[in-house]
């Protein structure tokens, strides 16, 4: 009996150690840990397709009701979601002080006492990136020094993308020179609406070249593309041109990230992967504010693309307030009580 107890204790300790070792990896992966999408020559034959909206809406409508994650499993999924957040501030009144606070939160996104209660105090959890305007890049890089958290910069005339292309390309180069490791570019929506796919490909190829070693996230602004068929085609063209991620929205459109649009985009990612072998990331952005939303998107990624797309290397949320609700849900799991909003002054 004593021997069995010792063996049982040893096995329990081994399991605990294993969990902690895995936890240490939660916040350590970046987009630079997988081979980049080099793109392929433009092939208009790929665009001979139509999307069935009703079928898409049926599929996504079933996700929240059929996939319920509770208790400790919910806490684990929410911690995973934290590591996939691009913590964002894109306001006209951004200041160095705001960015300093955002970066501090990015490095310690969940309060230490909550992590300790979850036995995750040694996890090293951070968010996936900090996303800012060009003027704030150097401040963000300074505040994040030594953290392994990349700075993402919105570029190319964000959010409308209507400035001259020469200026948009120079803007990318300036942001890379300032220290941004990821560039969130916006496409010219008119190319999609007019069916000018070659022009869209050429534009994105130029942006990709300007990014150099920085990873490019192509924002499609799906709320302004009129149809799901346009969303699918724009996703394929963006990947053909070498986008490392495709992203739903700027967050400034009337309609931003939705599950139907996301399903269409991840199906395009799957098609591109099967045809080329390149893994392209996905970033829903705009309107994702609750822990329940976060889990719905994780479930979508797991079911459509697999476990690998639950890492910040291939999945990000573009969000500013999402982290606040996730932290509140984690505190509720630990204490049985919901905390006041003032306990989470920035997320």
Protein backbone atom coordinates (compact mmCIF):
# COMPACT_ATOMS: atom_id res chain seq x y z
CA UNK A 1 0.00 0.00 0.00
CA UNK A 2 2.82 2.41 0.85
CA UNK A 3 4.60 1.62 -2.42
CA UNK A 4 1.41 2.17 -4.39
CA UNK A 5 0.83 5.49 -2.63
CA UNK A 6 4.39 6.61 -3.44
CA UNK A 7 3.95 5.59 -7.07
CA UNK A 8 0.63 7.40 -7.21
CA UNK A 9 2.19 10.54 -5.72
CA UNK A 10 5.09 10.32 -8.15
CA UNK A 11 2.70 9.98 -11.09
CA UNK A 12 0.67 12.94 -9.82
CA UNK A 13 3.82 15.06 -9.50
CA UNK A 14 4.93 14.03 -12.97
CA UNK A 15 1.55 15.02 -14.41
CA UNK A 16 1.67 18.35 -12.61
CA UNK A 17 5.17 19.04 -13.91
CA UNK A 18 4.10 18.12 -17.41
CA UNK A 19 1.17 20.53 -17.20
CA UNK A 20 3.46 23.32 -16.03
CA UNK A 21 5.93 22.65 -18.82
CA UNK A 22 3.11 22.87 -21.33
CA UNK A 23 1.82 26.01 -19.66
CA UNK A 24 5.19 27.70 -20.07
CA UNK A 25 4.73 27.43 -23.82
CA UNK A 26 1.35 29.17 -23.84
CA UNK A 27 2.69 32.64 -24.40
CA UNK A 28 5.96 31.82 -26.17
CA UNK A 29 4.91 31.19 -29.78
CA UNK A 30 4.88 33.88 -32.45
CA UNK A 31 4.09 34.01 -36.15
CA UNK A 32 7.80 33.64 -36.81
CA UNK A 33 7.77 30.04 -35.58
CA UNK A 34 6.22 28.61 -38.79
CA UNK A 35 7.31 28.80 -42.45
CA UNK A 36 5.96 31.86 -44.23
CA UNK A 37 3.49 31.84 -47.07
CA UNK A 38 5.60 32.75 -50.11
CA UNK A 39 2.52 33.16 -52.29
CA UNK A 40 1.89 31.74 -55.76
CA UNK A 41 1.34 33.22 -59.23
CA UNK A 42 -2.13 34.69 -59.71
CA UNK A 43 -4.58 32.13 -61.10
CA UNK A 44 -8.04 33.46 -61.90
CA UNK A 45 -9.35 29.91 -62.39
CA UNK A 46 -9.42 29.63 -58.60
CA UNK A 47 -12.11 32.31 -58.51
CA UNK A 48 -14.75 30.42 -60.51
CA UNK A 49 -17.03 29.78 -57.53
CA UNK A 50 -20.08 30.92 -55.58
CA UNK A 51 -20.84 30.74 -51.85
CA UNK A 52 -24.17 29.43 -50.53
CA UNK A 53 -25.05 31.95 -47.81
CA UNK A 54 -27.85 29.87 -46.26
CA UNK A 55 -25.55 26.86 -45.89
CA UNK A 56 -22.88 29.04 -44.27
CA UNK A 57 -25.37 30.51 -41.82
CA UNK A 58 -26.74 27.06 -40.95
CA UNK A 59 -23.26 25.80 -40.14
CA UNK A 60 -22.24 28.76 -37.99
CA UNK A 61 -25.65 29.01 -36.32
CA UNK A 62 -25.16 25.55 -34.86
CA UNK A 63 -21.79 26.29 -33.25
CA UNK A 64 -22.77 28.19 -30.06
CA UNK A 65 -25.54 25.77 -29.12
CA UNK A 66 -23.75 22.49 -29.81
CA UNK A 67 -20.37 23.29 -28.33
CA UNK A 68 -20.72 24.16 -24.64
CA UNK A 69 -17.50 24.43 -22.62
CA UNK A 70 -17.93 24.54 -18.84
CA UNK A 71 -15.99 24.85 -15.57
CA UNK A 72 -12.24 24.07 -15.67
CA UNK A 73 -12.42 23.36 -19.38
CA UNK A 74 -13.83 26.82 -19.96
CA UNK A 75 -11.03 28.33 -17.88
CA UNK A 76 -8.44 26.46 -19.97
CA UNK A 77 -9.98 27.61 -23.24
CA UNK A 78 -10.12 31.19 -22.00
CA UNK A 79 -6.44 31.14 -21.03
CA UNK A 80 -5.71 29.89 -24.54
CA UNK A 81 -7.78 32.75 -25.96
CA UNK A 82 -5.71 35.29 -24.00
CA UNK A 83 -2.54 34.14 -25.76
CA UNK A 84 -4.19 34.76 -29.15
CA UNK A 85 -5.24 38.38 -28.55
CA UNK A 86 -3.71 41.23 -30.51
CA UNK A 87 -4.25 43.81 -27.76
CA UNK A 88 -5.18 46.92 -29.67
CA UNK A 89 -5.47 50.66 -29.29
CA UNK A 90 -6.41 52.57 -32.45
CA UNK A 91 -7.93 55.79 -31.18
CA UNK A 92 -7.36 59.36 -32.21
CA UNK A 93 -6.54 60.24 -28.62
CA UNK A 94 -3.82 57.60 -28.15
CA UNK A 95 -0.93 58.83 -26.04
CA UNK A 96 2.36 57.36 -24.89
CA UNK A 97 0.77 56.81 -21.49
CA UNK A 98 -2.07 54.77 -22.99
CA UNK A 99 0.41 52.63 -24.88
CA UNK A 100 2.55 52.12 -21.76
CA UNK A 101 -0.48 50.82 -19.86
CA UNK A 102 -1.51 48.61 -22.79
CA UNK A 103 1.97 47.07 -22.99
CA UNK A 104 2.03 46.44 -19.23
CA UNK A 105 -1.29 44.64 -19.58
CA UNK A 106 0.01 42.70 -22.58
CA UNK A 107 2.89 41.35 -20.49
CA UNK A 108 0.63 40.47 -17.52
CA UNK A 109 -2.83 40.00 -19.09
CA UNK A 110 -4.29 38.03 -16.15
CA UNK A 111 -3.83 39.13 -12.55
CA UNK A 112 -1.20 37.07 -10.66
CA UNK A 113 -3.61 35.94 -7.92
CA UNK A 114 -5.99 34.48 -10.52
CA UNK A 115 -3.16 32.61 -12.24
CA UNK A 116 -1.94 31.33 -8.87
CA UNK A 117 -5.41 30.01 -8.04
CA UNK A 118 -5.40 28.20 -11.39
CA UNK A 119 -1.88 26.81 -10.70
CA UNK A 120 -0.67 28.75 -13.74
CA UNK A 121 1.61 31.23 -11.99
CA UNK A 122 4.63 29.92 -13.94
CA UNK A 123 2.87 29.81 -17.30
CA UNK A 124 4.43 32.94 -18.77
CA UNK A 125 1.12 33.81 -20.43
CA UNK A 126 1.14 36.95 -22.55
CA UNK A 127 -1.05 38.23 -25.36
CA UNK A 128 -0.14 37.50 -28.99
CA UNK A 129 0.85 41.06 -29.96
CA UNK A 130 0.21 44.73 -29.32
CA UNK A 131 -1.36 46.60 -32.24
CA UNK A 132 -0.96 50.38 -32.63
CA UNK A 133 -0.77 53.20 -35.15
CA UNK A 134 2.61 54.03 -36.69
CA UNK A 135 3.31 56.96 -34.34
CA UNK A 136 3.17 54.65 -31.33
CA UNK A 137 5.43 51.86 -32.63
CA UNK A 138 8.66 53.04 -31.06
CA UNK A 139 6.96 53.56 -27.69
CA UNK A 140 5.42 50.08 -27.82
CA UNK A 141 8.70 48.46 -28.86
CA UNK A 142 10.43 50.12 -25.92
CA UNK A 143 7.83 49.09 -23.37
CA UNK A 144 7.75 45.49 -24.66
CA UNK A 145 11.53 45.05 -24.80
CA UNK A 146 12.55 41.61 -23.55
CA UNK A 147 9.00 40.24 -23.53
CA UNK A 148 9.00 38.44 -26.90
CA UNK A 149 5.67 40.16 -27.68
CA UNK A 150 5.71 41.57 -31.23
CA UNK A 151 4.38 44.98 -32.16
CA UNK A 152 1.84 45.06 -34.98
CA UNK A 153 1.16 48.30 -36.84
CA UNK A 154 -1.86 49.19 -38.95
CA UNK A 155 -0.76 50.61 -42.27
CA UNK A 156 -1.56 51.51 -45.90
CA UNK A 157 -3.93 54.36 -45.15
CA UNK A 158 -5.81 52.47 -42.44
CA UNK A 159 -8.80 52.19 -42.25
CA UNK A 160 -9.98 53.31 -45.70
CA UNK A 161 -6.86 52.47 -47.71
CA UNK A 162 -7.47 55.27 -50.20
CA UNK A 163 -4.18 57.13 -50.14
CA UNK A 164 -1.83 56.88 -53.17
CA UNK A 165 -0.23 53.44 -53.37
CA UNK A 166 3.28 54.94 -53.28
CA UNK A 167 2.49 56.49 -49.90
CA UNK A 168 0.98 53.27 -48.62
CA UNK A 169 4.12 51.32 -49.55
CA UNK A 170 6.36 53.92 -47.89
CA UNK A 171 4.17 53.76 -44.79
CA UNK A 172 4.80 50.01 -44.55
CA UNK A 173 8.54 50.50 -44.90
CA UNK A 174 8.54 53.23 -42.25
CA UNK A 175 6.65 51.02 -39.78
CA UNK A 176 9.04 48.12 -40.33
CA UNK A 177 12.00 50.45 -39.83
CA UNK A 178 10.44 51.69 -36.59
CA UNK A 179 10.35 48.14 -35.22
CA UNK A 180 6.98 46.64 -36.17
CA UNK A 181 7.27 42.87 -36.72
CA UNK A 182 3.74 42.56 -38.10
CA UNK A 183 1.95 44.88 -40.51
CA UNK A 184 -1.85 44.95 -40.75
CA UNK A 185 -2.57 46.33 -44.22
CA UNK A 186 -5.95 47.20 -45.74
CA UNK A 187 -6.94 46.26 -49.28
CA UNK A 188 -8.55 48.55 -51.84
CA UNK A 189 -12.15 47.43 -51.58
CA UNK A 190 -12.95 48.88 -55.01
CA UNK A 191 -10.82 46.17 -56.65
CA UNK A 192 -13.07 43.52 -55.10
CA UNK A 193 -16.34 45.30 -55.86
CA UNK A 194 -15.30 45.80 -59.50
CA UNK A 195 -13.92 42.29 -59.89
CA UNK A 196 -10.40 43.56 -60.61
CA UNK A 197 -8.64 40.57 -59.11
CA UNK A 198 -5.33 40.99 -60.92
CA UNK A 199 -5.12 44.56 -59.65
CA UNK A 200 -5.82 43.38 -56.11
CA UNK A 201 -3.12 40.70 -56.42
CA UNK A 202 -0.58 43.21 -57.74
CA UNK A 203 -1.34 45.65 -54.92
CA UNK A 204 -0.99 43.01 -52.23
CA UNK A 205 2.20 41.64 -53.78
CA UNK A 206 3.71 45.13 -53.59
CA UNK A 207 2.69 45.41 -49.94
CA UNK A 208 4.17 41.99 -49.18
CA UNK A 209 7.48 43.00 -50.76
CA UNK A 210 7.53 46.20 -48.71
CA UNK A 211 6.98 44.22 -45.49
CA UNK A 212 10.28 42.35 -45.92
CA UNK A 213 10.77 40.15 -42.86
CA UNK A 214 7.71 41.57 -41.11
CA UNK A 215 4.61 39.40 -41.36
CA UNK A 216 1.69 40.80 -43.34
CA UNK A 217 -1.92 40.57 -42.20
CA UNK A 218 -4.31 41.49 -45.02
CA UNK A 219 -7.48 43.21 -43.78
CA UNK A 220 -10.36 42.53 -46.17
CA UNK A 221 -12.93 44.84 -44.51
CA UNK A 222 -15.54 42.15 -45.14
CA UNK A 223 -18.44 44.37 -44.09
CA UNK A 224 -17.81 46.45 -47.22
CA UNK A 225 -17.40 43.60 -49.75
CA UNK A 226 -21.15 43.08 -50.38
CA UNK A 227 -21.23 39.26 -50.70
CA UNK A 228 -19.71 36.16 -49.12
CA UNK A 229 -18.55 35.12 -52.58
CA UNK A 230 -16.49 38.32 -52.75
CA UNK A 231 -15.09 37.55 -49.29
CA UNK A 232 -13.97 34.08 -50.40
CA UNK A 233 -12.38 35.34 -53.61
CA UNK A 234 -10.60 38.21 -51.84
CA UNK A 235 -9.27 35.72 -49.27
CA UNK A 236 -7.81 33.52 -51.99
CA UNK A 237 -6.21 36.44 -53.82
CA UNK A 238 -4.70 37.78 -50.59
CA UNK A 239 -3.11 34.39 -49.90
CA UNK A 240 -1.89 34.01 -53.49
CA UNK A 241 -0.11 37.34 -53.01
CA UNK A 242 1.72 36.08 -49.92
CA UNK A 243 -0.35 37.23 -46.94
CA UNK A 244 0.74 35.56 -43.71
CA UNK A 245 -2.69 36.19 -42.17
CA UNK A 246 -6.06 37.20 -43.54
CA UNK A 247 -8.12 39.44 -41.27
CA UNK A 248 -11.83 40.22 -41.33
CA UNK A 249 -12.07 43.90 -40.51
CA UNK A 250 -10.49 47.15 -39.45
CA UNK A 251 -12.97 47.43 -36.60
CA UNK A 252 -14.19 50.70 -38.11
CA UNK A 253 -16.83 49.28 -40.47
CA UNK A 254 -20.54 49.14 -39.53
CA UNK A 255 -20.32 45.30 -39.60
CA UNK A 256 -17.09 43.67 -38.49
CA UNK A 257 -16.18 40.08 -37.55
CA UNK A 258 -19.05 37.59 -37.76
CA UNK A 259 -19.04 33.81 -37.63
CA UNK A 260 -20.45 33.39 -41.19
CA UNK A 261 -17.74 35.61 -42.68
CA UNK A 262 -15.12 33.82 -40.59
CA UNK A 263 -16.28 30.40 -41.79
CA UNK A 264 -15.95 31.52 -45.41
CA UNK A 265 -12.43 32.82 -44.80
CA UNK A 266 -11.20 29.73 -42.93
CA UNK A 267 -12.61 27.49 -45.67
CA UNK A 268 -10.52 29.54 -48.12
CA UNK A 269 -7.49 28.98 -45.87
CA UNK A 270 -8.19 25.25 -45.96
CA UNK A 271 -8.44 25.24 -49.76
CA UNK A 272 -5.19 27.18 -50.06
CA UNK A 273 -3.43 24.82 -47.64
CA UNK A 274 -4.57 21.74 -49.55
CA UNK A 275 -3.47 23.23 -52.89
CA UNK A 276 -0.13 24.76 -51.85
CA UNK A 277 0.93 23.35 -48.48
CA UNK A 278 1.18 26.88 -47.01
CA UNK A 279 -0.41 27.52 -43.62
CA UNK A 280 -2.04 30.95 -43.43
CA UNK A 281 -3.29 32.51 -40.21
CA UNK A 282 -6.70 34.01 -39.49
CA UNK A 283 -7.60 37.10 -37.48
CA UNK A 284 -11.20 38.11 -36.73
CA UNK A 285 -11.38 41.71 -35.56
CA UNK A 286 -14.04 44.15 -34.45
CA UNK A 287 -17.00 43.43 -32.22
CA UNK A 288 -15.49 40.45 -30.35
CA UNK A 289 -16.06 41.55 -26.78
CA UNK A 290 -17.10 38.60 -24.61
CA UNK A 291 -15.53 35.40 -23.35
CA UNK A 292 -18.37 33.49 -25.02
CA UNK A 293 -17.44 35.11 -28.36
CA UNK A 294 -13.83 34.07 -27.83
CA UNK A 295 -14.76 30.44 -27.29
CA UNK A 296 -17.08 30.40 -30.31
CA UNK A 297 -14.19 31.43 -32.56
CA UNK A 298 -11.82 28.91 -30.98
CA UNK A 299 -14.36 26.15 -31.60
CA UNK A 300 -14.71 27.28 -35.22
CA UNK A 301 -10.94 27.14 -35.72
CA UNK A 302 -10.60 23.74 -34.04
CA UNK A 303 -13.41 22.17 -36.07
CA UNK A 304 -12.50 23.71 -39.43
CA UNK A 305 -8.69 23.84 -39.40
CA UNK A 306 -7.53 21.74 -36.46
CA UNK A 307 -5.54 22.08 -33.26
CA UNK A 308 -2.63 23.97 -34.84
CA UNK A 309 -4.91 26.95 -35.49
CA UNK A 310 -5.47 27.42 -31.76
CA UNK A 311 -2.02 28.97 -31.37
CA UNK A 312 -0.99 32.63 -31.86
CA UNK A 313 1.20 31.48 -34.74
CA UNK A 314 -1.97 30.99 -36.82
CA UNK A 315 -4.84 32.63 -34.95
CA UNK A 316 -5.35 36.06 -33.41
CA UNK A 317 -8.26 38.14 -32.19
CA UNK A 318 -8.11 41.85 -32.94
CA UNK A 319 -9.61 43.23 -29.74
CA UNK A 320 -9.42 45.94 -27.10
CA UNK A 321 -12.16 45.05 -24.59
CA UNK A 322 -12.23 41.24 -24.95
CA UNK A 323 -9.50 40.71 -22.36
CA UNK A 324 -11.55 42.47 -19.69
CA UNK A 325 -14.45 40.02 -19.96
CA UNK A 326 -12.15 36.98 -20.13
CA UNK A 327 -10.40 38.06 -16.93
CA UNK A 328 -13.78 38.61 -15.23
CA UNK A 329 -14.89 35.10 -16.22
CA UNK A 330 -11.66 33.60 -14.89
CA UNK A 331 -12.10 35.43 -11.59
CA UNK A 332 -15.66 34.12 -11.38
CA UNK A 333 -14.38 30.57 -11.89
CA UNK A 334 -11.82 31.03 -9.10
CA UNK A 335 -13.93 32.92 -6.55
CA UNK A 336 -17.55 32.30 -7.53
CA UNK A 337 -18.06 36.07 -7.84
CA UNK A 338 -17.97 38.51 -10.74
CA UNK A 339 -15.66 41.46 -10.21
CA UNK A 340 -16.50 45.08 -10.87
CA UNK A 341 -15.31 46.63 -14.11
CA UNK A 342 -13.05 49.07 -12.28
CA UNK A 343 -10.86 46.12 -11.25
CA UNK A 344 -9.98 45.73 -14.93
CA UNK A 345 -9.14 49.29 -15.95
CA UNK A 346 -7.63 48.37 -19.27
CA UNK A 347 -8.07 45.46 -21.65
